[in-house]
Amino acid sequence: MIETIITIISVLLTVAFFTIAERKLLASIQRRRGPNVVGFWGTLQAFADGLKLLLKEVIVPIRAN
């Protein structure tokens, strides 16, 4: 149980930091400001994206198949 939780948390943190690296790389390629303005070196941006994804409301039409 503990090993599973540690594995999940480590994978989520790894994905978050890869997202930061990707955004910074794309920002430098496109010569624009990256996620540097949120938190310390953009670290809060990935957590904000994850929180937004978790809290997103799923809307399903009533009469949809």
PDB file of N, CA and C in Angstrom:
ATOM      1  N   MET A   1       0.825  -1.203   0.000  1.00  0.00           N
ATOM      2  CA  MET A   1       0.000   0.000   0.000  1.00  0.00           C
ATOM      3  C   MET A   1       0.867   1.264   0.000  1.00  0.00           C
ATOM      4  N   ILE A   2       1.814   1.318   0.900  1.00  0.00           N
ATOM      5  CA  ILE A   2       2.692   2.488   0.990  1.00  0.00           C
ATOM      6  C   ILE A   2       3.548   2.609  -0.277  1.00  0.00           C
ATOM      7  N   GLU A   3       4.036   1.459  -0.773  1.00  0.00           N
ATOM      8  CA  GLU A   3       4.862   1.487  -1.977  1.00  0.00           C
ATOM      9  C   GLU A   3       4.074   2.020  -3.173  1.00  0.00           C
ATOM     10  N   THR A   4       2.795   1.658  -3.236  1.00  0.00           N
ATOM     11  CA  THR A   4       1.941   2.126  -4.331  1.00  0.00           C
ATOM     12  C   THR A   4       1.753   3.634  -4.267  1.00  0.00           C
ATOM     13  N   ILE A   5       1.516   4.145  -3.086  1.00  0.00           N
ATOM     14  CA  ILE A   5       1.310   5.585  -2.916  1.00  0.00           C
ATOM     15  C   ILE A   5       2.590   6.343  -3.257  1.00  0.00           C
ATOM     16  N   ILE A   6       3.727   5.825  -2.803  1.00  0.00           N
ATOM     17  CA  ILE A   6       5.001   6.476  -3.105  1.00  0.00           C
ATOM     18  C   ILE A   6       5.272   6.459  -4.611  1.00  0.00           C
ATOM     19  N   THR A   7       4.951   5.338  -5.268  1.00  0.00           N
ATOM     20  CA  THR A   7       5.146   5.242  -6.712  1.00  0.00           C
ATOM     21  C   THR A   7       4.262   6.231  -7.457  1.00  0.00           C
ATOM     22  N   ILE A   8       2.997   6.319  -7.073  1.00  0.00           N
ATOM     23  CA  ILE A   8       2.072   7.244  -7.732  1.00  0.00           C
ATOM     24  C   ILE A   8       2.521   8.685  -7.551  1.00  0.00           C
ATOM     25  N   ILE A   9       2.921   9.045  -6.340  1.00  0.00           N
ATOM     26  CA  ILE A   9       3.358  10.413  -6.073  1.00  0.00           C
ATOM     27  C   ILE A   9       4.626  10.737  -6.858  1.00  0.00           C
ATOM     28  N   SER A  10       5.555   9.787  -6.909  1.00  0.00           N
ATOM     29  CA  SER A  10       6.791  10.055  -7.656  1.00  0.00           C
ATOM     30  C   SER A  10       6.535  10.193  -9.154  1.00  0.00           C
ATOM     31  N   VAL A  11       5.615   9.390  -9.690  1.00  0.00           N
ATOM     32  CA  VAL A  11       5.278   9.514 -11.115  1.00  0.00           C
ATOM     33  C   VAL A  11       4.603  10.852 -11.382  1.00  0.00           C
ATOM     34  N   LEU A  12       3.705  11.270 -10.510  1.00  0.00           N
ATOM     35  CA  LEU A  12       3.036  12.564 -10.699  1.00  0.00           C
ATOM     36  C   LEU A  12       4.025  13.721 -10.633  1.00  0.00           C
ATOM     37  N   LEU A  13       4.963  13.667  -9.697  1.00  0.00           N
ATOM     38  CA  LEU A  13       5.966  14.725  -9.604  1.00  0.00           C
ATOM     39  C   LEU A  13       6.879  14.735 -10.830  1.00  0.00           C
ATOM     40  N   THR A  14       7.236  13.560 -11.312  1.00  0.00           N
ATOM     41  CA  THR A  14       8.078  13.482 -12.507  1.00  0.00           C
ATOM     42  C   THR A  14       7.372  14.079 -13.713  1.00  0.00           C
ATOM     43  N   VAL A  15       6.111  13.749 -13.888  1.00  0.00           N
ATOM     44  CA  VAL A  15       5.341  14.300 -15.009  1.00  0.00           C
ATOM     45  C   VAL A  15       5.200  15.812 -14.863  1.00  0.00           C
ATOM     46  N   ALA A  16       4.998  16.283 -13.638  1.00  0.00           N
ATOM     47  CA  ALA A  16       4.865  17.722 -13.415  1.00  0.00           C
ATOM     48  C   ALA A  16       6.139  18.457 -13.818  1.00  0.00           C
ATOM     49  N   PHE A  17       7.292  17.920 -13.440  1.00  0.00           N
ATOM     50  CA  PHE A  17       8.538  18.609 -13.776  1.00  0.00           C
ATOM     51  C   PHE A  17       8.901  18.460 -15.244  1.00  0.00           C
ATOM     52  N   PHE A  18       8.517  17.365 -15.878  1.00  0.00           N
ATOM     53  CA  PHE A  18       8.710  17.261 -17.318  1.00  0.00           C
ATOM     54  C   PHE A  18       7.825  18.268 -18.051  1.00  0.00           C
ATOM     55  N   THR A  19       6.630  18.517 -17.526  1.00  0.00           N
ATOM     56  CA  THR A  19       5.748  19.524 -18.111  1.00  0.00           C
ATOM     57  C   THR A  19       6.379  20.909 -18.018  1.00  0.00           C
ATOM     58  N   ILE A  20       6.977  21.197 -16.875  1.00  0.00           N
ATOM     59  CA  ILE A  20       7.654  22.489 -16.709  1.00  0.00           C
ATOM     60  C   ILE A  20       8.793  22.623 -17.712  1.00  0.00           C
ATOM     61  N   ALA A  21       9.599  21.565 -17.824  1.00  0.00           N
ATOM     62  CA  ALA A  21      10.733  21.605 -18.757  1.00  0.00           C
ATOM     63  C   ALA A  21      10.256  21.790 -20.195  1.00  0.00           C
ATOM     64  N   GLU A  22       9.178  21.097 -20.556  1.00  0.00           N
ATOM     65  CA  GLU A  22       8.641  21.217 -21.918  1.00  0.00           C
ATOM     66  C   GLU A  22       8.163  22.639 -22.189  1.00  0.00           C
ATOM     67  N   ARG A  23       7.448  23.214 -21.228  1.00  0.00           N
ATOM     68  CA  ARG A  23       6.940  24.573 -21.425  1.00  0.00           C
ATOM     69  C   ARG A  23       8.067  25.589 -21.536  1.00  0.00           C
ATOM     70  N   LYS A  24       9.102  25.414 -20.720  1.00  0.00           N
ATOM     71  CA  LYS A  24      10.223  26.342 -20.791  1.00  0.00           C
ATOM     72  C   LYS A  24      10.958  26.207 -22.119  1.00  0.00           C
ATOM     73  N   LEU A  25      11.111  24.978 -22.591  1.00  0.00           N
ATOM     74  CA  LEU A  25      11.775  24.757 -23.874  1.00  0.00           C
ATOM     75  C   LEU A  25      10.964  25.374 -25.012  1.00  0.00           C
ATOM     76  N   LEU A  26       9.661  25.135 -25.011  1.00  0.00           N
ATOM     77  CA  LEU A  26       8.820  25.709 -26.069  1.00  0.00           C
ATOM     78  C   LEU A  26       8.791  27.227 -26.000  1.00  0.00           C
ATOM     79  N   ALA A  27       8.816  27.780 -24.790  1.00  0.00           N
ATOM     80  CA  ALA A  27       8.821  29.235 -24.649  1.00  0.00           C
ATOM     81  C   ALA A  27      10.113  29.820 -25.192  1.00  0.00           C
ATOM     82  N   SER A  28      11.225  29.116 -24.965  1.00  0.00           N
ATOM     83  CA  SER A  28      12.492  29.654 -25.486  1.00  0.00           C
ATOM     84  C   SER A  28      12.572  29.507 -27.000  1.00  0.00           C
ATOM     85  N   ILE A  29      12.001  28.441 -27.543  1.00  0.00           N
ATOM     86  CA  ILE A  29      11.998  28.273 -28.995  1.00  0.00           C
ATOM     87  C   ILE A  29      11.133  29.345 -29.653  1.00  0.00           C
ATOM     88  N   GLN A  30       9.998  29.654 -29.036  1.00  0.00           N
ATOM     89  CA  GLN A  30       9.080  30.635 -29.606  1.00  0.00           C
ATOM     90  C   GLN A  30       9.412  32.062 -29.176  1.00  0.00           C
ATOM     91  N   ARG A  31      10.469  32.223 -28.407  1.00  0.00           N
ATOM     92  CA  ARG A  31      10.921  33.526 -27.915  1.00  0.00           C
ATOM     93  C   ARG A  31       9.821  34.301 -27.205  1.00  0.00           C
ATOM     94  N   ARG A  32       9.214  33.646 -26.247  1.00  0.00           N
ATOM     95  CA  ARG A  32       8.207  34.299 -25.418  1.00  0.00           C
ATOM     96  C   ARG A  32       8.465  33.926 -23.967  1.00  0.00           C
ATOM     97  N   ARG A  33       7.765  34.565 -23.067  1.00  0.00           N
ATOM     98  CA  ARG A  33       7.946  34.279 -21.650  1.00  0.00           C
ATOM     99  C   ARG A  33       7.281  32.953 -21.317  1.00  0.00           C
ATOM    100  N   GLY A  34       7.964  32.130 -20.598  1.00  0.00           N
ATOM    101  CA  GLY A  34       7.431  30.825 -20.190  1.00  0.00           C
ATOM    102  C   GLY A  34       6.700  30.926 -18.870  1.00  0.00           C
ATOM    103  N   PRO A  35       6.547  29.804 -18.202  1.00  0.00           N
ATOM    104  CA  PRO A  35       5.810  29.790 -16.929  1.00  0.00           C
ATOM    105  C   PRO A  35       6.671  30.266 -15.763  1.00  0.00           C
ATOM    106  N   ASN A  36       7.629  31.140 -16.009  1.00  0.00           N
ATOM    107  CA  ASN A  36       8.538  31.604 -14.961  1.00  0.00           C
ATOM    108  C   ASN A  36       7.842  32.511 -13.957  1.00  0.00           C
ATOM    109  N   VAL A  37       6.721  33.056 -14.316  1.00  0.00           N
ATOM    110  CA  VAL A  37       6.087  34.057 -13.466  1.00  0.00           C
ATOM    111  C   VAL A  37       5.205  33.442 -12.384  1.00  0.00           C
ATOM    112  N   VAL A  38       5.019  32.138 -12.385  1.00  0.00           N
ATOM    113  CA  VAL A  38       4.168  31.486 -11.399  1.00  0.00           C
ATOM    114  C   VAL A  38       5.047  30.693 -10.450  1.00  0.00           C
ATOM    115  N   GLY A  39       5.102  31.119  -9.191  1.00  0.00           N
ATOM    116  CA  GLY A  39       5.857  30.370  -8.195  1.00  0.00           C
ATOM    117  C   GLY A  39       7.360  30.482  -8.384  1.00  0.00           C
ATOM    118  N   PHE A  40       8.076  29.539  -7.817  1.00  0.00           N
ATOM    119  CA  PHE A  40       9.527  29.507  -7.907  1.00  0.00           C
ATOM    120  C   PHE A  40       9.931  28.788  -9.183  1.00  0.00           C
ATOM    121  N   TRP A  41      10.440  29.520 -10.138  1.00  0.00           N
ATOM    122  CA  TRP A  41      10.912  28.999 -11.429  1.00  0.00           C
ATOM    123  C   TRP A  41       9.832  28.216 -12.160  1.00  0.00           C
ATOM    124  N   GLY A  42       8.589  28.548 -11.959  1.00  0.00           N
ATOM    125  CA  GLY A  42       7.505  27.906 -12.676  1.00  0.00           C
ATOM    126  C   GLY A  42       7.027  26.599 -12.087  1.00  0.00           C
ATOM    127  N   THR A  43       7.429  26.273 -10.865  1.00  0.00           N
ATOM    128  CA  THR A  43       7.058  24.975 -10.291  1.00  0.00           C
ATOM    129  C   THR A  43       5.581  24.894  -9.939  1.00  0.00           C
ATOM    130  N   LEU A  44       4.965  26.010  -9.628  1.00  0.00           N
ATOM    131  CA  LEU A  44       3.550  25.967  -9.258  1.00  0.00           C
ATOM    132  C   LEU A  44       2.632  25.804 -10.461  1.00  0.00           C
ATOM    133  N   GLN A  45       3.142  26.081 -11.661  1.00  0.00           N
ATOM    134  CA  GLN A  45       2.318  25.979 -12.863  1.00  0.00           C
ATOM    135  C   GLN A  45       1.855  24.548 -13.087  1.00  0.00           C
ATOM    136  N   ALA A  46       2.740  23.579 -12.923  1.00  0.00           N
ATOM    137  CA  ALA A  46       2.370  22.177 -13.131  1.00  0.00           C
ATOM    138  C   ALA A  46       1.352  21.717 -12.090  1.00  0.00           C
ATOM    139  N   PHE A  47       1.525  22.154 -10.851  1.00  0.00           N
ATOM    140  CA  PHE A  47       0.564  21.774  -9.820  1.00  0.00           C
ATOM    141  C   PHE A  47      -0.786  22.446 -10.051  1.00  0.00           C
ATOM    142  N   ALA A  48      -0.769  23.670 -10.551  1.00  0.00           N
ATOM    143  CA  ALA A  48      -2.016  24.351 -10.878  1.00  0.00           C
ATOM    144  C   ALA A  48      -2.739  23.638 -12.017  1.00  0.00           C
ATOM    145  N   ASP A  49      -1.983  23.165 -13.010  1.00  0.00           N
ATOM    146  CA  ASP A  49      -2.585  22.413 -14.117  1.00  0.00           C
ATOM    147  C   ASP A  49      -3.201  21.100 -13.619  1.00  0.00           C
ATOM    148  N   GLY A  50      -2.498  20.402 -12.745  1.00  0.00           N
ATOM    149  CA  GLY A  50      -3.026  19.150 -12.195  1.00  0.00           C
ATOM    150  C   GLY A  50      -4.274  19.379 -11.366  1.00  0.00           C
ATOM    151  N   LEU A  51      -4.277  20.434 -10.566  1.00  0.00           N
ATOM    152  CA  LEU A  51      -5.449  20.754  -9.761  1.00  0.00           C
ATOM    153  C   LEU A  51      -6.630  21.129 -10.653  1.00  0.00           C
ATOM    154  N   LYS A  52      -6.361  21.874 -11.707  1.00  0.00           N
ATOM    155  CA  LYS A  52      -7.423  22.249 -12.645  1.00  0.00           C
ATOM    156  C   LYS A  52      -8.017  21.008 -13.311  1.00  0.00           C
ATOM    157  N   LEU A  53      -7.149  20.058 -13.664  1.00  0.00           N
ATOM    158  CA  LEU A  53      -7.604  18.828 -14.288  1.00  0.00           C
ATOM    159  C   LEU A  53      -8.471  18.005 -13.333  1.00  0.00           C
ATOM    160  N   LEU A  54      -8.080  17.943 -12.071  1.00  0.00           N
ATOM    161  CA  LEU A  54      -8.844  17.168 -11.089  1.00  0.00           C
ATOM    162  C   LEU A  54     -10.197  17.800 -10.770  1.00  0.00           C
ATOM    163  N   LEU A  55     -10.255  19.124 -10.796  1.00  0.00           N
ATOM    164  CA  LEU A  55     -11.479  19.824 -10.422  1.00  0.00           C
ATOM    165  C   LEU A  55     -12.385  20.142 -11.602  1.00  0.00           C
ATOM    166  N   LYS A  56     -11.988  19.719 -12.789  1.00  0.00           N
ATOM    167  CA  LYS A  56     -12.775  20.009 -13.982  1.00  0.00           C
ATOM    168  C   LYS A  56     -14.107  19.271 -13.931  1.00  0.00           C
ATOM    169  N   GLU A  57     -15.156  19.961 -14.224  1.00  0.00           N
ATOM    170  CA  GLU A  57     -16.495  19.376 -14.181  1.00  0.00           C
ATOM    171  C   GLU A  57     -16.803  18.688 -15.502  1.00  0.00           C
ATOM    172  N   VAL A  58     -17.293  17.460 -15.406  1.00  0.00           N
ATOM    173  CA  VAL A  58     -17.664  16.704 -16.598  1.00  0.00           C
ATOM    174  C   VAL A  58     -19.133  16.992 -16.912  1.00  0.00           C
ATOM    175  N   ILE A  59     -19.401  17.488 -18.091  1.00  0.00           N
ATOM    176  CA  ILE A  59     -20.763  17.819 -18.497  1.00  0.00           C
ATOM    177  C   ILE A  59     -21.189  16.810 -19.565  1.00  0.00           C
ATOM    178  N   VAL A  60     -22.229  16.064 -19.261  1.00  0.00           N
ATOM    179  CA  VAL A  60     -22.758  15.066 -20.190  1.00  0.00           C
ATOM    180  C   VAL A  60     -24.195  15.481 -20.525  1.00  0.00           C
ATOM    181  N   PRO A  61     -24.522  15.664 -21.797  1.00  0.00           N
ATOM    182  CA  PRO A  61     -25.908  16.005 -22.155  1.00  0.00           C
ATOM    183  C   PRO A  61     -26.882  14.916 -21.691  1.00  0.00           C
ATOM    184  N   ILE A  62     -28.077  15.317 -21.353  1.00  0.00           N
ATOM    185  CA  ILE A  62     -29.062  14.409 -20.780  1.00  0.00           C
ATOM    186  C   ILE A  62     -29.471  13.332 -21.774  1.00  0.00           C
ATOM    187  N   ARG A  63     -29.700  13.682 -23.007  1.00  0.00           N
ATOM    188  CA  ARG A  63     -30.207  12.722 -23.991  1.00  0.00           C
ATOM    189  C   ARG A  63     -29.129  12.194 -24.935  1.00  0.00           C
ATOM    190  N   ALA A  64     -27.900  12.191 -24.484  1.00  0.00           N
ATOM    191  CA  ALA A  64     -26.798  11.717 -25.323  1.00  0.00           C
ATOM    192  C   ALA A  64     -26.707  10.193 -25.263  1.00  0.00           C
ATOM    193  N   ASN A  65     -26.273   9.594 -26.353  1.00  0.00           N
ATOM    194  CA  ASN A  65     -26.082   8.143 -26.388  1.00  0.00           C
ATOM    195  C   ASN A  65     -24.709   7.807 -25.843  1.00  0.00           C
TER     196      ASN A  65
END
